[in-house]
Amino acid sequence: MYIFRTSITTKDGGKIYAKDYGKRAFRIWIGPGPEPVKSN
């Protein structure tokens, strides 16, 4: 399952905001297994 967040925190404690990259949100995979491969 994907979740969408407007900001993410890096390992060193810094914050990255999606609006700084021209996006509304970051898509993050949260699930029991690895991220699924996109198929066309």
PDB file of N, CA and C in Angstrom:
ATOM      1  N   MET A   1       0.842  -1.154   0.000  1.00  0.00           N
ATOM      2  CA  MET A   1       0.000   0.000   0.000  1.00  0.00           C
ATOM      3  C   MET A   1       0.900   1.235   0.000  1.00  0.00           C
ATOM      4  N   TYR A   2       0.518   2.214  -0.778  1.00  0.00           N
ATOM      5  CA  TYR A   2       1.241   3.481  -0.813  1.00  0.00           C
ATOM      6  C   TYR A   2       0.577   4.475   0.118  1.00  0.00           C
ATOM      7  N   ILE A   3       1.388   5.312   0.773  1.00  0.00           N
ATOM      8  CA  ILE A   3       0.875   6.442   1.524  1.00  0.00           C
ATOM      9  C   ILE A   3       1.502   7.698   0.932  1.00  0.00           C
ATOM     10  N   PHE A   4       0.850   8.812   1.107  1.00  0.00           N
ATOM     11  CA  PHE A   4       1.331  10.073   0.559  1.00  0.00           C
ATOM     12  C   PHE A   4       1.612  11.034   1.704  1.00  0.00           C
ATOM     13  N   ARG A   5       2.796  11.636   1.685  1.00  0.00           N
ATOM     14  CA  ARG A   5       3.204  12.579   2.726  1.00  0.00           C
ATOM     15  C   ARG A   5       3.739  13.844   2.067  1.00  0.00           C
ATOM     16  N   THR A   6       3.419  14.998   2.655  1.00  0.00           N
ATOM     17  CA  THR A   6       3.877  16.270   2.096  1.00  0.00           C
ATOM     18  C   THR A   6       5.324  16.552   2.459  1.00  0.00           C
ATOM     19  N   SER A   7       5.845  15.878   3.485  1.00  0.00           N
ATOM     20  CA  SER A   7       7.247  16.058   3.859  1.00  0.00           C
ATOM     21  C   SER A   7       7.808  14.746   4.367  1.00  0.00           C
ATOM     22  N   ILE A   8       9.122  14.609   4.264  1.00  0.00           N
ATOM     23  CA  ILE A   8       9.804  13.448   4.805  1.00  0.00           C
ATOM     24  C   ILE A   8      10.991  13.933   5.624  1.00  0.00           C
ATOM     25  N   THR A   9      11.382  13.136   6.602  1.00  0.00           N
ATOM     26  CA  THR A   9      12.516  13.468   7.454  1.00  0.00           C
ATOM     27  C   THR A   9      13.681  12.563   7.077  1.00  0.00           C
ATOM     28  N   THR A  10      14.845  13.144   6.847  1.00  0.00           N
ATOM     29  CA  THR A  10      16.020  12.364   6.494  1.00  0.00           C
ATOM     30  C   THR A  10      16.640  11.748   7.737  1.00  0.00           C
ATOM     31  N   LYS A  11      17.594  10.860   7.537  1.00  0.00           N
ATOM     32  CA  LYS A  11      18.238  10.170   8.660  1.00  0.00           C
ATOM     33  C   LYS A  11      18.997  11.130   9.565  1.00  0.00           C
ATOM     34  N   ASP A  12      19.477  12.240   9.021  1.00  0.00           N
ATOM     35  CA  ASP A  12      20.217  13.195   9.850  1.00  0.00           C
ATOM     36  C   ASP A  12      19.310  14.241  10.502  1.00  0.00           C
ATOM     37  N   GLY A  13      17.989  14.092  10.354  1.00  0.00           N
ATOM     38  CA  GLY A  13      17.047  14.968  11.032  1.00  0.00           C
ATOM     39  C   GLY A  13      16.536  16.132  10.214  1.00  0.00           C
ATOM     40  N   GLY A  14      16.991  16.280   8.981  1.00  0.00           N
ATOM     41  CA  GLY A  14      16.513  17.365   8.130  1.00  0.00           C
ATOM     42  C   GLY A  14      15.158  17.035   7.533  1.00  0.00           C
ATOM     43  N   LYS A  15      14.412  18.059   7.182  1.00  0.00           N
ATOM     44  CA  LYS A  15      13.104  17.861   6.565  1.00  0.00           C
ATOM     45  C   LYS A  15      13.160  18.247   5.100  1.00  0.00           C
ATOM     46  N   ILE A  16      12.527  17.428   4.258  1.00  0.00           N
ATOM     47  CA  ILE A  16      12.415  17.706   2.834  1.00  0.00           C
ATOM     48  C   ILE A  16      10.933  17.871   2.529  1.00  0.00           C
ATOM     49  N   TYR A  17      10.581  18.995   1.921  1.00  0.00           N
ATOM     50  CA  TYR A  17       9.185  19.277   1.602  1.00  0.00           C
ATOM     51  C   TYR A  17       8.938  19.039   0.117  1.00  0.00           C
ATOM     52  N   ALA A  18       7.797  18.416  -0.198  1.00  0.00           N
ATOM     53  CA  ALA A  18       7.454  18.087  -1.578  1.00  0.00           C
ATOM     54  C   ALA A  18       7.303  19.345  -2.429  1.00  0.00           C
ATOM     55  N   LYS A  19       6.791  20.428  -1.849  1.00  0.00           N
ATOM     56  CA  LYS A  19       6.574  21.651  -2.630  1.00  0.00           C
ATOM     57  C   LYS A  19       7.882  22.247  -3.135  1.00  0.00           C
ATOM     58  N   ASP A  20       9.003  21.943  -2.459  1.00  0.00           N
ATOM     59  CA  ASP A  20      10.306  22.408  -2.929  1.00  0.00           C
ATOM     60  C   ASP A  20      10.729  21.699  -4.212  1.00  0.00           C
ATOM     61  N   TYR A  21      10.108  20.556  -4.495  1.00  0.00           N
ATOM     62  CA  TYR A  21      10.414  19.776  -5.694  1.00  0.00           C
ATOM     63  C   TYR A  21       9.286  19.843  -6.719  1.00  0.00           C
ATOM     64  N   GLY A  22       8.342  20.761  -6.530  1.00  0.00           N
ATOM     65  CA  GLY A  22       7.248  20.931  -7.479  1.00  0.00           C
ATOM     66  C   GLY A  22       6.195  19.844  -7.386  1.00  0.00           C
ATOM     67  N   LYS A  23       6.108  19.157  -6.246  1.00  0.00           N
ATOM     68  CA  LYS A  23       5.128  18.090  -6.055  1.00  0.00           C
ATOM     69  C   LYS A  23       4.179  18.462  -4.933  1.00  0.00           C
ATOM     70  N   ARG A  24       3.044  17.795  -4.891  1.00  0.00           N
ATOM     71  CA  ARG A  24       2.104  17.989  -3.786  1.00  0.00           C
ATOM     72  C   ARG A  24       2.415  17.051  -2.639  1.00  0.00           C
ATOM     73  N   ALA A  25       2.960  15.863  -2.944  1.00  0.00           N
ATOM     74  CA  ALA A  25       3.263  14.885  -1.901  1.00  0.00           C
ATOM     75  C   ALA A  25       4.270  13.869  -2.428  1.00  0.00           C
ATOM     76  N   PHE A  26       4.926  13.193  -1.493  1.00  0.00           N
ATOM     77  CA  PHE A  26       5.812  12.085  -1.830  1.00  0.00           C
ATOM     78  C   PHE A  26       5.036  10.783  -1.660  1.00  0.00           C
ATOM     79  N   ARG A  27       5.234   9.846  -2.575  1.00  0.00           N
ATOM     80  CA  ARG A  27       4.581   8.543  -2.485  1.00  0.00           C
ATOM     81  C   ARG A  27       5.556   7.583  -1.814  1.00  0.00           C
ATOM     82  N   ILE A  28       5.134   6.952  -0.729  1.00  0.00           N
ATOM     83  CA  ILE A  28       5.999   6.072   0.053  1.00  0.00           C
ATOM     84  C   ILE A  28       5.333   4.704   0.161  1.00  0.00           C
ATOM     85  N   TRP A  29       6.087   3.648  -0.137  1.00  0.00           N
ATOM     86  CA  TRP A  29       5.560   2.286  -0.054  1.00  0.00           C
ATOM     87  C   TRP A  29       5.612   1.802   1.390  1.00  0.00           C
ATOM     88  N   ILE A  30       4.474   1.368   1.898  1.00  0.00           N
ATOM     89  CA  ILE A  30       4.368   0.766   3.219  1.00  0.00           C
ATOM     90  C   ILE A  30       3.639  -0.562   3.019  1.00  0.00           C
ATOM     91  N   GLY A  31       4.290  -1.662   3.310  1.00  0.00           N
ATOM     92  CA  GLY A  31       3.623  -2.941   3.120  1.00  0.00           C
ATOM     93  C   GLY A  31       4.454  -4.095   3.640  1.00  0.00           C
ATOM     94  N   PRO A  32       3.895  -5.272   3.589  1.00  0.00           N
ATOM     95  CA  PRO A  32       4.581  -6.441   4.136  1.00  0.00           C
ATOM     96  C   PRO A  32       5.766  -6.909   3.297  1.00  0.00           C
ATOM     97  N   GLY A  33       5.770  -6.573   2.027  1.00  0.00           N
ATOM     98  CA  GLY A  33       6.834  -7.031   1.146  1.00  0.00           C
ATOM     99  C   GLY A  33       7.512  -5.874   0.445  1.00  0.00           C
ATOM    100  N   PRO A  34       8.358  -6.196  -0.532  1.00  0.00           N
ATOM    101  CA  PRO A  34       9.023  -5.128  -1.285  1.00  0.00           C
ATOM    102  C   PRO A  34       8.039  -4.383  -2.173  1.00  0.00           C
ATOM    103  N   GLU A  35       8.458  -3.216  -2.616  1.00  0.00           N
ATOM    104  CA  GLU A  35       7.625  -2.390  -3.495  1.00  0.00           C
ATOM    105  C   GLU A  35       7.373  -3.145  -4.791  1.00  0.00           C
ATOM    106  N   PRO A  36       6.111  -3.206  -5.248  1.00  0.00           N
ATOM    107  CA  PRO A  36       5.816  -3.927  -6.479  1.00  0.00           C
ATOM    108  C   PRO A  36       6.432  -3.254  -7.703  1.00  0.00           C
ATOM    109  N   VAL A  37       6.749  -4.055  -8.703  1.00  0.00           N
ATOM    110  CA  VAL A  37       7.325  -3.560  -9.941  1.00  0.00           C
ATOM    111  C   VAL A  37       6.205  -3.031 -10.821  1.00  0.00           C
ATOM    112  N   LYS A  38       6.405  -1.831 -11.382  1.00  0.00           N
ATOM    113  CA  LYS A  38       5.394  -1.224 -12.235  1.00  0.00           C
ATOM    114  C   LYS A  38       5.330  -1.984 -13.560  1.00  0.00           C
ATOM    115  N   SER A  39       4.129  -2.391 -13.966  1.00  0.00           N
ATOM    116  CA  SER A  39       3.964  -3.088 -15.232  1.00  0.00           C
ATOM    117  C   SER A  39       3.133  -2.229 -16.169  1.00  0.00           C
ATOM    118  N   ASN A  40       3.486  -2.239 -17.445  1.00  0.00           N
ATOM    119  CA  ASN A  40       2.772  -1.421 -18.436  1.00  0.00           C
ATOM    120  C   ASN A  40       1.671  -2.177 -19.067  1.00  0.00           C
TER     121      ASN A  40
END
